C-alpha atoms as a PDB file:
ATOM      1  CA  UNK A   1      55.495   6.863 -26.248  1.00  0.00           C
ATOM      2  CA  UNK A   2      52.080   7.420 -24.629  1.00  0.00           C
ATOM      3  CA  UNK A   3      52.078   7.424 -20.845  1.00  0.00           C
ATOM      4  CA  UNK A   4      49.297   7.077 -18.272  1.00  0.00           C
ATOM      5  CA  UNK A   5      48.956   7.574 -14.544  1.00  0.00           C
ATOM      6  CA  UNK A   6      47.905   4.536 -12.481  1.00  0.00           C
ATOM      7  CA  UNK A   7      44.776   4.755 -10.350  1.00  0.00           C
ATOM      8  CA  UNK A   8      45.620   4.243  -6.683  1.00  0.00           C
ATOM      9  CA  UNK A   9      43.488   1.723  -4.795  1.00  0.00           C
ATOM     10  CA  UNK A  10      43.740   3.654  -1.516  1.00  0.00           C
ATOM     11  CA  UNK A  11      42.211   6.705  -3.183  1.00  0.00           C
ATOM     12  CA  UNK A  12      38.668   5.374  -3.096  1.00  0.00           C
ATOM     13  CA  UNK A  13      35.536   6.541  -1.330  1.00  0.00           C
ATOM     14  CA  UNK A  14      32.081   5.002  -0.838  1.00  0.00           C
ATOM     15  CA  UNK A  15      28.824   6.937  -0.535  1.00  0.00           C
ATOM     16  CA  UNK A  16      25.233   5.681  -0.540  1.00  0.00           C
ATOM     17  CA  UNK A  17      21.848   7.336  -1.002  1.00  0.00           C
ATOM     18  CA  UNK A  18      18.320   6.074  -0.358  1.00  0.00           C
ATOM     19  CA  UNK A  19      16.298   5.808  -3.556  1.00  0.00           C
ATOM     20  CA  UNK A  20      12.794   7.264  -3.927  1.00  0.00           C
ATOM     21  CA  UNK A  21      11.848   4.605  -6.482  1.00  0.00           C
ATOM     22  CA  UNK A  22      13.531   1.185  -6.170  1.00  0.00           C
ATOM     23  CA  UNK A  23      16.168   0.768  -8.857  1.00  0.00           C
ATOM     24  CA  UNK A  24      16.021   4.337 -10.126  1.00  0.00           C
ATOM     25  CA  UNK A  25      19.504   5.767  -9.617  1.00  0.00           C
ATOM     26  CA  UNK A  26      20.002   8.703  -7.217  1.00  0.00           C
ATOM     27  CA  UNK A  27      23.678   9.468  -7.453  1.00  0.00           C
ATOM     28  CA  UNK A  28      25.216  10.033  -3.993  1.00  0.00           C
ATOM     29  CA  UNK A  29      27.244  13.132  -3.191  1.00  0.00           C
ATOM     30  CA  UNK A  30      29.792  13.896  -0.489  1.00  0.00           C
ATOM     31  CA  UNK A  31      26.884  14.499   1.928  1.00  0.00           C
ATOM     32  CA  UNK A  32      25.927  10.825   1.568  1.00  0.00           C
ATOM     33  CA  UNK A  33      29.372   9.527   2.530  1.00  0.00           C
ATOM     34  CA  UNK A  34      29.484  10.620   6.182  1.00  0.00           C
ATOM     35  CA  UNK A  35      30.805   7.335   7.574  1.00  0.00           C
ATOM     36  CA  UNK A  36      34.136   5.560   7.967  1.00  0.00           C
ATOM     37  CA  UNK A  37      34.395   2.487   5.727  1.00  0.00           C
ATOM     38  CA  UNK A  38      36.970  -0.264   6.228  1.00  0.00           C
ATOM     39  CA  UNK A  39      38.097  -3.113   3.964  1.00  0.00           C
ATOM     40  CA  UNK A  40      35.936  -2.089   0.994  1.00  0.00           C
ATOM     41  CA  UNK A  41      35.962  -4.487  -1.923  1.00  0.00           C
ATOM     42  CA  UNK A  42      35.660  -3.122  -5.440  1.00  0.00           C
ATOM     43  CA  UNK A  43      32.145  -3.103  -6.875  1.00  0.00           C
ATOM     44  CA  UNK A  44      32.254  -6.222  -9.015  1.00  0.00           C
ATOM     45  CA  UNK A  45      29.882  -6.868 -11.925  1.00  0.00           C
ATOM     46  CA  UNK A  46      28.153 -10.209 -12.339  1.00  0.00           C
ATOM     47  CA  UNK A  47      27.215 -10.446 -16.033  1.00  0.00           C
ATOM     48  CA  UNK A  48      26.827 -13.940 -17.477  1.00  0.00           C
ATOM     49  CA  UNK A  49      28.058 -14.342 -21.038  1.00  0.00           C
ATOM     50  CA  UNK A  50      25.837 -15.947 -23.669  1.00  0.00           C
ATOM     51  CA  UNK A  51      27.902 -17.967 -26.156  1.00  0.00           C
ATOM     52  CA  UNK A  52      26.706 -18.238 -29.765  1.00  0.00           C
ATOM     53  CA  UNK A  53      27.816 -21.322 -31.639  1.00  0.00           C
ATOM     54  CA  UNK A  54      28.776 -20.765 -35.273  1.00  0.00           C
ATOM     55  CA  UNK A  55      28.003 -23.132 -38.165  1.00  0.00           C
ATOM     56  CA  UNK A  56      30.433 -24.963 -40.403  1.00  0.00           C
ATOM     57  CA  UNK A  57      33.315 -25.174 -37.936  1.00  0.00           C
ATOM     58  CA  UNK A  58      34.537 -24.552 -34.409  1.00  0.00           C
ATOM     59  CA  UNK A  59      34.657 -20.756 -34.631  1.00  0.00           C
ATOM     60  CA  UNK A  60      31.929 -19.116 -32.496  1.00  0.00           C
ATOM     61  CA  UNK A  61      29.888 -16.053 -33.345  1.00  0.00           C
ATOM     62  CA  UNK A  62      30.255 -12.952 -31.180  1.00  0.00           C
ATOM     63  CA  UNK A  63      28.505 -13.556 -27.875  1.00  0.00           C
ATOM     64  CA  UNK A  64      26.123 -11.392 -25.843  1.00  0.00           C
ATOM     65  CA  UNK A  65      26.588 -10.069 -22.268  1.00  0.00           C
ATOM     66  CA  UNK A  66      23.587 -11.062 -20.132  1.00  0.00           C
ATOM     67  CA  UNK A  67      21.712  -9.448 -17.244  1.00  0.00           C
ATOM     68  CA  UNK A  68      23.807  -6.927 -15.288  1.00  0.00           C
ATOM     69  CA  UNK A  69      24.103  -7.135 -11.509  1.00  0.00           C
ATOM     70  CA  UNK A  70      26.879  -6.631  -8.988  1.00  0.00           C
ATOM     71  CA  UNK A  71      27.957  -6.821  -5.368  1.00  0.00           C
ATOM     72  CA  UNK A  72      30.003  -4.853  -2.878  1.00  0.00           C
ATOM     73  CA  UNK A  73      31.202  -5.686   0.647  1.00  0.00           C
ATOM     74  CA  UNK A  74      32.638  -3.372   3.296  1.00  0.00           C
ATOM     75  CA  UNK A  75      32.920  -2.947   7.060  1.00  0.00           C
ATOM     76  CA  UNK A  76      31.785  -0.146   9.381  1.00  0.00           C
ATOM     77  CA  UNK A  77      32.398   0.314  13.102  1.00  0.00           C
ATOM     78  CA  UNK A  78      29.293  -0.335  15.206  1.00  0.00           C
ATOM     79  CA  UNK A  79      29.173   2.975  17.058  1.00  0.00           C
ATOM     80  CA  UNK A  80      26.762   5.849  17.614  1.00  0.00           C
ATOM     81  CA  UNK A  81      26.884   9.383  16.266  1.00  0.00           C
ATOM     82  CA  UNK A  82      28.498  10.839  19.391  1.00  0.00           C
ATOM     83  CA  UNK A  83      25.633  13.343  19.688  1.00  0.00           C
ATOM     84  CA  UNK A  84      23.392  12.744  22.739  1.00  0.00           C
ATOM     85  CA  UNK A  85      20.398  14.495  21.158  1.00  0.00           C
ATOM     86  CA  UNK A  86      20.668  12.493  17.909  1.00  0.00           C
ATOM     87  CA  UNK A  87      22.580   9.263  18.647  1.00  0.00           C
ATOM     88  CA  UNK A  88      21.719   7.411  15.414  1.00  0.00           C
ATOM     89  CA  UNK A  89      24.766   7.562  13.098  1.00  0.00           C
ATOM     90  CA  UNK A  90      24.491   8.315   9.377  1.00  0.00           C
ATOM     91  CA  UNK A  91      25.618   4.814   8.433  1.00  0.00           C
ATOM     92  CA  UNK A  92      22.738   3.229  10.388  1.00  0.00           C
ATOM     93  CA  UNK A  93      20.126   5.526   8.821  1.00  0.00           C
ATOM     94  CA  UNK A  94      21.503   4.638   5.391  1.00  0.00           C
ATOM     95  CA  UNK A  95      22.399   0.934   5.488  1.00  0.00           C
ATOM     96  CA  UNK A  96      20.156  -0.726   8.090  1.00  0.00           C
ATOM     97  CA  UNK A  97      16.824   0.009   6.273  1.00  0.00           C
ATOM     98  CA  UNK A  98      18.419  -1.374   3.093  1.00  0.00           C
ATOM     99  CA  UNK A  99      18.986  -4.587   5.092  1.00  0.00           C
ATOM    100  CA  UNK A 100      15.395  -4.689   6.321  1.00  0.00           C
ATOM    101  CA  UNK A 101      15.943  -3.077   9.752  1.00  0.00           C
ATOM    102  CA  UNK A 102      13.880   0.072  10.346  1.00  0.00           C
ATOM    103  CA  UNK A 103      13.886   2.657  13.113  1.00  0.00           C
ATOM    104  CA  UNK A 104      11.090   2.684  15.674  1.00  0.00           C
ATOM    105  CA  UNK A 105       9.731  -0.782  15.014  1.00  0.00           C
ATOM    106  CA  UNK A 106       6.513  -1.568  13.198  1.00  0.00           C
ATOM    107  CA  UNK A 107       4.696  -4.883  13.187  1.00  0.00           C
ATOM    108  CA  UNK A 108       5.342  -7.201  16.090  1.00  0.00           C
ATOM    109  CA  UNK A 109       8.042  -5.396  18.009  1.00  0.00           C
ATOM    110  CA  UNK A 110       5.843  -2.631  19.405  1.00  0.00           C
ATOM    111  CA  UNK A 111       8.987  -0.682  20.184  1.00  0.00           C
ATOM    112  CA  UNK A 112       8.053   2.723  18.878  1.00  0.00           C
ATOM    113  CA  UNK A 113      11.458   3.827  20.137  1.00  0.00           C
ATOM    114  CA  UNK A 114      13.497   6.339  18.210  1.00  0.00           C
ATOM    115  CA  UNK A 115      17.043   5.080  17.806  1.00  0.00           C
ATOM    116  CA  UNK A 116      15.965   1.407  17.932  1.00  0.00           C
ATOM    117  CA  UNK A 117      16.121  -0.614  14.703  1.00  0.00           C
ATOM    118  CA  UNK A 118      14.165  -3.859  14.308  1.00  0.00           C
ATOM    119  CA  UNK A 119      13.411  -6.025  11.256  1.00  0.00           C
ATOM    120  CA  UNK A 120      10.464  -5.386   8.967  1.00  0.00           C
ATOM    121  CA  UNK A 121       9.015  -7.906   6.529  1.00  0.00           C
ATOM    122  CA  UNK A 122       7.991  -5.344   3.912  1.00  0.00           C
ATOM    123  CA  UNK A 123       9.724  -4.465   0.628  1.00  0.00           C
ATOM    124  CA  UNK A 124      10.520  -0.845  -0.290  1.00  0.00           C
ATOM    125  CA  UNK A 125       7.492   0.944  -1.679  1.00  0.00           C
ATOM    126  CA  UNK A 126       4.922  -1.222   0.120  1.00  0.00           C
ATOM    127  CA  UNK A 127       2.330   0.492   2.302  1.00  0.00           C
ATOM    128  CA  UNK A 128       3.868   1.237   5.700  1.00  0.00           C
ATOM    129  CA  UNK A 129       7.363   0.171   4.649  1.00  0.00           C
ATOM    130  CA  UNK A 130      10.372   1.829   6.247  1.00  0.00           C
ATOM    131  CA  UNK A 131      12.831  -0.138   4.134  1.00  0.00           C
ATOM    132  CA  UNK A 132      14.561   1.352   1.101  1.00  0.00           C
ATOM    133  CA  UNK A 133      16.901   0.513  -1.723  1.00  0.00           C
ATOM    134  CA  UNK A 134      20.209   2.308  -2.223  1.00  0.00           C
ATOM    135  CA  UNK A 135      22.324   3.745  -4.961  1.00  0.00           C
ATOM    136  CA  UNK A 136      25.909   3.000  -3.894  1.00  0.00           C
ATOM    137  CA  UNK A 137      28.747   4.886  -5.536  1.00  0.00           C
ATOM    138  CA  UNK A 138      32.408   3.969  -5.326  1.00  0.00           C
ATOM    139  CA  UNK A 139      34.886   6.608  -6.472  1.00  0.00           C
ATOM    140  CA  UNK A 140      38.300   5.188  -7.372  1.00  0.00           C
ATOM    141  CA  UNK A 141      40.876   7.905  -8.026  1.00  0.00           C
ATOM    142  CA  UNK A 142      38.933   9.521 -10.866  1.00  0.00           C
ATOM    143  CA  UNK A 143      36.543   6.732 -11.840  1.00  0.00           C
ATOM    144  CA  UNK A 144      33.028   6.082 -10.523  1.00  0.00           C
ATOM    145  CA  UNK A 145      31.456   2.628 -10.209  1.00  0.00           C
ATOM    146  CA  UNK A 146      27.754   2.465  -9.326  1.00  0.00           C
ATOM    147  CA  UNK A 147      25.252  -0.097  -8.071  1.00  0.00           C
ATOM    148  CA  UNK A 148      21.571   0.890  -7.923  1.00  0.00           C
ATOM    149  CA  UNK A 149      18.522  -0.768  -6.424  1.00  0.00           C
ATOM    150  CA  UNK A 150      20.712  -2.266  -3.700  1.00  0.00           C
ATOM    151  CA  UNK A 151      19.584  -4.294  -0.712  1.00  0.00           C
ATOM    152  CA  UNK A 152      21.755  -6.477   1.465  1.00  0.00           C
ATOM    153  CA  UNK A 153      22.584  -8.260   4.680  1.00  0.00           C
ATOM    154  CA  UNK A 154      24.998  -7.755   7.569  1.00  0.00           C
ATOM    155  CA  UNK A 155      27.146  -9.554  10.112  1.00  0.00           C
ATOM    156  CA  UNK A 156      28.038  -8.060  13.515  1.00  0.00           C
ATOM    157  CA  UNK A 157      31.393  -9.221  14.886  1.00  0.00           C
ATOM    158  CA  UNK A 158      32.154  -8.562  18.562  1.00  0.00           C
ATOM    159  CA  UNK A 159      35.644  -9.688  19.599  1.00  0.00           C
ATOM    160  CA  UNK A 160      36.953  -8.994  23.097  1.00  0.00           C
ATOM    161  CA  UNK A 161      39.096  -5.858  23.258  1.00  0.00           C
ATOM    162  CA  UNK A 162      38.770  -4.696  19.645  1.00  0.00           C
ATOM    163  CA  UNK A 163      36.323  -2.321  17.918  1.00  0.00           C
ATOM    164  CA  UNK A 164      32.936  -3.858  17.162  1.00  0.00           C
ATOM    165  CA  UNK A 165      32.464  -4.187  13.408  1.00  0.00           C
ATOM    166  CA  UNK A 166      29.419  -4.647  11.194  1.00  0.00           C
ATOM    167  CA  UNK A 167      30.182  -6.257   7.840  1.00  0.00           C
ATOM    168  CA  UNK A 168      27.790  -5.417   4.994  1.00  0.00           C
ATOM    169  CA  UNK A 169      27.193  -7.166   1.676  1.00  0.00           C
ATOM    170  CA  UNK A 170      24.957  -5.436  -0.881  1.00  0.00           C
ATOM    171  CA  UNK A 171      23.576  -6.710  -4.178  1.00  0.00           C
ATOM    172  CA  UNK A 172      22.215  -4.408  -6.863  1.00  0.00           C
ATOM    173  CA  UNK A 173      21.975  -3.471 -10.522  1.00  0.00           C
ATOM    174  CA  UNK A 174      25.325  -2.719 -12.178  1.00  0.00           C
ATOM    175  CA  UNK A 175      25.753   0.387 -14.332  1.00  0.00           C
ATOM    176  CA  UNK A 176      28.682   1.087 -16.636  1.00  0.00           C
ATOM    177  CA  UNK A 177      31.498   2.987 -14.813  1.00  0.00           C
ATOM    178  CA  UNK A 178      32.211   6.599 -15.738  1.00  0.00           C
ATOM    179  CA  UNK A 179      35.008   9.071 -15.008  1.00  0.00           C
ATOM    180  CA  UNK A 180      34.310  11.318 -11.992  1.00  0.00           C
ATOM    181  CA  UNK A 181      36.366  13.333  -9.521  1.00  0.00           C
ATOM    182  CA  UNK A 182      36.902  11.904  -6.049  1.00  0.00           C
ATOM    183  CA  UNK A 183      34.420  13.239  -3.471  1.00  0.00           C
ATOM    184  CA  UNK A 184      35.477  14.506  -0.032  1.00  0.00           C
ATOM    185  CA  UNK A 185      32.872  13.739   2.689  1.00  0.00           C
ATOM    186  CA  UNK A 186      33.047  15.080   6.237  1.00  0.00           C
ATOM    187  CA  UNK A 187      33.948  11.938   8.164  1.00  0.00           C
ATOM    188  CA  UNK A 188      32.739  11.319  11.753  1.00  0.00           C
ATOM    189  CA  UNK A 189      35.322  11.450  14.540  1.00  0.00           C
ATOM    190  CA  UNK A 190      33.354   9.480  17.144  1.00  0.00           C
ATOM    191  CA  UNK A 191      35.442   7.097  19.271  1.00  0.00           C
ATOM    192  CA  UNK A 192      34.923   3.502  18.110  1.00  0.00           C
ATOM    193  CA  UNK A 193      33.250   1.173  20.613  1.00  0.00           C
ATOM    194  CA  UNK A 194      35.512  -1.642  21.805  1.00  0.00           C
ATOM    195  CA  UNK A 195      33.955  -4.904  22.908  1.00  0.00           C
ATOM    196  CA  UNK A 196      34.900  -4.138  26.488  1.00  0.00           C
ATOM    197  CA  UNK A 197      33.132  -2.689  29.531  1.00  0.00           C
ATOM    198  CA  UNK A 198      30.145  -4.616  28.207  1.00  0.00           C
ATOM    199  CA  UNK A 199      27.163  -6.190  29.939  1.00  0.00           C
ATOM    200  CA  UNK A 200      26.181  -9.531  28.379  1.00  0.00           C
ATOM    201  CA  UNK A 201      23.150 -11.380  29.716  1.00  0.00           C
ATOM    202  CA  UNK A 202      21.751 -14.717  28.577  1.00  0.00           C
ATOM    203  CA  UNK A 203      18.926 -16.523  30.304  1.00  0.00           C
ATOM    204  CA  UNK A 204      15.290 -16.751  31.261  1.00  0.00           C
ATOM    205  CA  UNK A 205      14.359 -13.663  33.286  1.00  0.00           C
ATOM    206  CA  UNK A 206      12.435 -14.262  36.485  1.00  0.00           C
ATOM    207  CA  UNK A 207      12.943 -18.038  36.463  1.00  0.00           C
ATOM    208  CA  UNK A 208      15.268 -18.135  39.449  1.00  0.00           C
ATOM    209  CA  UNK A 209      18.711 -19.691  39.494  1.00  0.00           C
ATOM    210  CA  UNK A 210      20.002 -23.073  38.456  1.00  0.00           C
ATOM    211  CA  UNK A 211      20.660 -25.071  35.329  1.00  0.00           C
ATOM    212  CA  UNK A 212      18.921 -23.765  32.222  1.00  0.00           C
ATOM    213  CA  UNK A 213      17.308 -20.878  34.047  1.00  0.00           C
ATOM    214  CA  UNK A 214      18.009 -17.500  35.562  1.00  0.00           C
ATOM    215  CA  UNK A 215      20.099 -14.715  34.052  1.00  0.00           C
ATOM    216  CA  UNK A 216      23.672 -15.702  33.294  1.00  0.00           C
ATOM    217  CA  UNK A 217      26.630 -13.478  32.412  1.00  0.00           C
ATOM    218  CA  UNK A 218      28.999 -15.487  30.199  1.00  0.00           C
ATOM    219  CA  UNK A 219      32.754 -15.061  29.986  1.00  0.00           C
ATOM    220  CA  UNK A 220      33.551 -15.318  26.303  1.00  0.00           C
ATOM    221  CA  UNK A 221      35.891 -14.252  23.521  1.00  0.00           C
ATOM    222  CA  UNK A 222      33.527 -13.501  20.643  1.00  0.00           C
ATOM    223  CA  UNK A 223      29.909 -13.075  19.570  1.00  0.00           C
ATOM    224  CA  UNK A 224      28.868 -13.085  15.907  1.00  0.00           C
ATOM    225  CA  UNK A 225      25.361 -12.095  14.818  1.00  0.00           C
ATOM    226  CA  UNK A 226      24.170 -12.804  11.262  1.00  0.00           C
ATOM    227  CA  UNK A 227      21.142 -11.006   9.814  1.00  0.00           C
ATOM    228  CA  UNK A 228      20.743 -13.922   7.407  1.00  0.00           C
ATOM    229  CA  UNK A 229      18.833 -12.058   4.702  1.00  0.00           C
ATOM    230  CA  UNK A 230      17.925 -13.844   1.470  1.00  0.00           C
ATOM    231  CA  UNK A 231      18.564 -11.204  -1.212  1.00  0.00           C
ATOM    232  CA  UNK A 232      17.209 -11.748  -4.715  1.00  0.00           C
ATOM    233  CA  UNK A 233      17.138  -9.641  -7.895  1.00  0.00           C
ATOM    234  CA  UNK A 234      13.865  -8.671  -9.576  1.00  0.00           C
ATOM    235  CA  UNK A 235      13.986  -9.383 -13.314  1.00  0.00           C
ATOM    236  CA  UNK A 236      12.709  -6.564 -15.523  1.00  0.00           C
ATOM    237  CA  UNK A 237      13.208  -6.661 -19.318  1.00  0.00           C
ATOM    238  CA  UNK A 238      12.099  -3.011 -19.569  1.00  0.00           C
ATOM    239  CA  UNK A 239      15.390  -2.008 -17.903  1.00  0.00           C
ATOM    240  CA  UNK A 240      18.622  -2.024 -19.925  1.00  0.00           C
ATOM    241  CA  UNK A 241      20.192  -4.240 -17.234  1.00  0.00           C
ATOM    242  CA  UNK A 242      17.257  -6.729 -17.335  1.00  0.00           C
ATOM    243  CA  UNK A 243      16.844  -6.154 -13.578  1.00  0.00           C
ATOM    244  CA  UNK A 244      14.779  -3.618 -11.651  1.00  0.00           C
ATOM    245  CA  UNK A 245      16.340  -3.865  -8.180  1.00  0.00           C
ATOM    246  CA  UNK A 246      17.275  -6.234  -5.374  1.00  0.00           C
ATOM    247  CA  UNK A 247      14.818  -7.272  -2.680  1.00  0.00           C
ATOM    248  CA  UNK A 248      14.874  -9.242   0.577  1.00  0.00           C
ATOM    249  CA  UNK A 249      12.694 -12.349   0.364  1.00  0.00           C
ATOM    250  CA  UNK A 250      13.529 -14.047   3.668  1.00  0.00           C
ATOM    251  CA  UNK A 251      15.484 -13.740   6.918  1.00  0.00           C
ATOM    252  CA  UNK A 252      17.135 -16.099   9.415  1.00  0.00           C
ATOM    253  CA  UNK A 253      18.864 -14.246  12.242  1.00  0.00           C
ATOM    254  CA  UNK A 254      21.491 -16.332  14.063  1.00  0.00           C
ATOM    255  CA  UNK A 255      23.915 -15.854  16.946  1.00  0.00           C
ATOM    256  CA  UNK A 256      27.187 -17.693  17.569  1.00  0.00           C
ATOM    257  CA  UNK A 257      29.207 -17.287  20.778  1.00  0.00           C
ATOM    258  CA  UNK A 258      32.035 -19.136  22.508  1.00  0.00           C
ATOM    259  CA  UNK A 259      31.643 -18.878  26.301  1.00  0.00           C
ATOM    260  CA  UNK A 260      33.824 -20.754  28.769  1.00  0.00           C
ATOM    261  CA  UNK A 261      32.242 -24.094  29.620  1.00  0.00           C
ATOM    262  CA  UNK A 262      30.237 -24.078  32.849  1.00  0.00           C
ATOM    263  CA  UNK A 263      29.115 -26.889  35.095  1.00  0.00           C
ATOM    264  CA  UNK A 264      25.568 -28.050  34.419  1.00  0.00           C
ATOM    265  CA  UNK A 265      24.498 -26.681  37.795  1.00  0.00           C
ATOM    266  CA  UNK A 266      25.595 -23.198  36.722  1.00  0.00           C
ATOM    267  CA  UNK A 267      24.445 -23.006  33.100  1.00  0.00           C
ATOM    268  CA  UNK A 268      23.339 -26.068  31.153  1.00  0.00           C
ATOM    269  CA  UNK A 269      23.403 -25.202  27.449  1.00  0.00           C
ATOM    270  CA  UNK A 270      22.763 -28.831  26.529  1.00  0.00           C
ATOM    271  CA  UNK A 271      19.534 -28.855  28.559  1.00  0.00           C
ATOM    272  CA  UNK A 272      18.464 -25.540  27.001  1.00  0.00           C
ATOM    273  CA  UNK A 273      19.133 -27.069  23.585  1.00  0.00           C
ATOM    274  CA  UNK A 274      17.205 -30.293  24.157  1.00  0.00           C
ATOM    275  CA  UNK A 275      14.323 -28.678  26.052  1.00  0.00           C
ATOM    276  CA  UNK A 276      13.986 -25.901  23.426  1.00  0.00           C
ATOM    277  CA  UNK A 277      14.219 -23.258  26.130  1.00  0.00           C
ATOM    278  CA  UNK A 278      13.762 -19.757  24.716  1.00  0.00           C
ATOM    279  CA  UNK A 279      16.050 -17.199  26.327  1.00  0.00           C
ATOM    280  CA  UNK A 280      16.830 -13.525  26.081  1.00  0.00           C
ATOM    281  CA  UNK A 281      20.202 -12.255  24.919  1.00  0.00           C
ATOM    282  CA  UNK A 282      21.086  -8.677  25.825  1.00  0.00           C
ATOM    283  CA  UNK A 283      24.386  -6.968  24.960  1.00  0.00           C
ATOM    284  CA  UNK A 284      25.091  -3.452  26.182  1.00  0.00           C
ATOM    285  CA  UNK A 285      28.258  -1.510  25.277  1.00  0.00           C
ATOM    286  CA  UNK A 286      29.456   0.292  27.287  1.00  0.00           C
ATOM    287  CA  UNK A 287      27.775  -1.233  30.333  1.00  0.00           C
ATOM    288  CA  UNK A 288      25.540   1.218  32.154  1.00  0.00           C
ATOM    289  CA  UNK A 289      25.243   3.460  29.124  1.00  0.00           C
ATOM    290  CA  UNK A 290      26.771   6.853  28.474  1.00  0.00           C
ATOM    291  CA  UNK A 291      25.644  10.393  27.770  1.00  0.00           C
ATOM    292  CA  UNK A 292      27.744  11.006  24.681  1.00  0.00           C
ATOM    293  CA  UNK A 293      25.509   9.443  22.025  1.00  0.00           C
ATOM    294  CA  UNK A 294      27.857   6.507  21.651  1.00  0.00           C
ATOM    295  CA  UNK A 295      26.037   3.728  23.466  1.00  0.00           C
ATOM    296  CA  UNK A 296      24.749   0.608  21.678  1.00  0.00           C
ATOM    297  CA  UNK A 297      22.410  -2.148  22.833  1.00  0.00           C
ATOM    298  CA  UNK A 298      21.643  -5.372  20.965  1.00  0.00           C
ATOM    299  CA  UNK A 299      18.696  -7.462  22.160  1.00  0.00           C
ATOM    300  CA  UNK A 300      17.337 -10.827  21.042  1.00  0.00           C
ATOM    301  CA  UNK A 301      14.153 -11.423  23.071  1.00  0.00           C
ATOM    302  CA  UNK A 302      13.703 -15.080  22.043  1.00  0.00           C
ATOM    303  CA  UNK A 303      16.899 -17.027  21.343  1.00  0.00           C
ATOM    304  CA  UNK A 304      16.710 -20.786  20.785  1.00  0.00           C
ATOM    305  CA  UNK A 305      19.896 -22.862  21.121  1.00  0.00           C
ATOM    306  CA  UNK A 306      20.342 -25.039  18.024  1.00  0.00           C
ATOM    307  CA  UNK A 307      23.848 -26.467  18.515  1.00  0.00           C
ATOM    308  CA  UNK A 308      26.473 -26.808  21.279  1.00  0.00           C
ATOM    309  CA  UNK A 309      30.032 -28.069  20.718  1.00  0.00           C
ATOM    310  CA  UNK A 310      32.972 -28.306  23.135  1.00  0.00           C
ATOM    311  CA  UNK A 311      36.236 -26.643  22.048  1.00  0.00           C
ATOM    312  CA  UNK A 312      39.635 -25.923  23.578  1.00  0.00           C
ATOM    313  CA  UNK A 313      40.786 -22.323  23.840  1.00  0.00           C
ATOM    314  CA  UNK A 314      44.166 -21.362  25.292  1.00  0.00           C
ATOM    315  CA  UNK A 315      44.342 -24.495  27.424  1.00  0.00           C
ATOM    316  CA  UNK A 316      40.837 -24.349  28.914  1.00  0.00           C
ATOM    317  CA  UNK A 317      37.484 -25.660  27.774  1.00  0.00           C
ATOM    318  CA  UNK A 318      34.938 -23.480  26.006  1.00  0.00           C
ATOM    319  CA  UNK A 319      31.763 -24.115  24.039  1.00  0.00           C
ATOM    320  CA  UNK A 320      30.599 -22.975  20.644  1.00  0.00           C
ATOM    321  CA  UNK A 321      26.950 -22.131  21.209  1.00  0.00           C
ATOM    322  CA  UNK A 322      24.784 -21.416  18.175  1.00  0.00           C
ATOM    323  CA  UNK A 323      21.338 -19.880  18.467  1.00  0.00           C
ATOM    324  CA  UNK A 324      18.409 -18.955  16.252  1.00  0.00           C
ATOM    325  CA  UNK A 325      16.547 -15.695  16.918  1.00  0.00           C
ATOM    326  CA  UNK A 326      12.817 -16.460  16.694  1.00  0.00           C
ATOM    327  CA  UNK A 327       9.737 -14.275  17.012  1.00  0.00           C
ATOM    328  CA  UNK A 328       8.836 -13.101  20.481  1.00  0.00           C
ATOM    329  CA  UNK A 329       5.439 -11.526  19.729  1.00  0.00           C
ATOM    330  CA  UNK A 330       2.801 -13.270  17.594  1.00  0.00           C
ATOM    331  CA  UNK A 331       3.220 -10.761  14.765  1.00  0.00           C
ATOM    332  CA  UNK A 332       6.981 -11.295  14.613  1.00  0.00           C
ATOM    333  CA  UNK A 333       9.481  -8.813  13.159  1.00  0.00           C
ATOM    334  CA  UNK A 334      11.134  -8.609  16.581  1.00  0.00           C
ATOM    335  CA  UNK A 335      13.948 -11.172  16.461  1.00  0.00           C
ATOM    336  CA  UNK A 336      16.748  -8.663  16.991  1.00  0.00           C
ATOM    337  CA  UNK A 337      16.820  -5.009  18.024  1.00  0.00           C
ATOM    338  CA  UNK A 338      19.803  -2.654  17.611  1.00  0.00           C
ATOM    339  CA  UNK A 339      19.461   0.506  19.660  1.00  0.00           C
ATOM    340  CA  UNK A 340      21.571   3.665  19.758  1.00  0.00           C
ATOM    341  CA  UNK A 341      21.472   6.021  22.755  1.00  0.00           C
END
């Protein structure tokens, strides 16, 4: 009797490589897998099936697989490289530009700061673009699954006391899996950043104190930031998949937090909501910075409150506050900045 060895799900590795030409595969190697990935889903194909109705009865003709795309989701710890002279981690250099966030800032933000990533409304290959597409490889105990021409979106989850996570979802062109030996990257050993010893500021700088003004430091349990990218696939009948690559066609950056409810004289979220008061949101972990290359700041220079709801948490009253990150400068592309130092 023929026997086979099962492929173990825990024996899987993800690596990703920036493409020179969008959609043209550049197979990653172990060098391109220098990051710790958590909760990776399998690369899943999305290939619609075209039925073909037969004549003279109910029996169909053989159908045809349609255009070939796929998705993958995984989580990475939001932490720096641990190197003071080069604090940007490999995962940020790889994945953030494929989500439309580029280092140094370009139009609108005026940052020009190495280590600071801000959004850019330019597709890969356009003049001045810092964005790129990715070839993402997933090795599964002897088998390789590949997506090329990938772009995606992310979600930052900050929960009190636990490591800060950034959840990625990428869409790309699906290629047929092949057999390949498992790669062995050199993984980083930097200490993950907990959402603790943080400095969180929300308010209108320089406006004094009182309801709807001043700088306020909330006591809260969680902050969730959504990049809100609209990712679409470019059709291309010259490619065997019928797609060329994915691209980002829009963006809506949002913030959700659940601070303890304050009296209106301390912080009036309802007034901010109704008066359309634009505020700054600044998150710094760890507070005061550090010299070990593992310090992260997240800034939204113009946050508009769009919804406030009262909730109960552990016997006291809190609020779910939802905000939209809007442009601060006229040119835009400055809704949210992620900086490593």
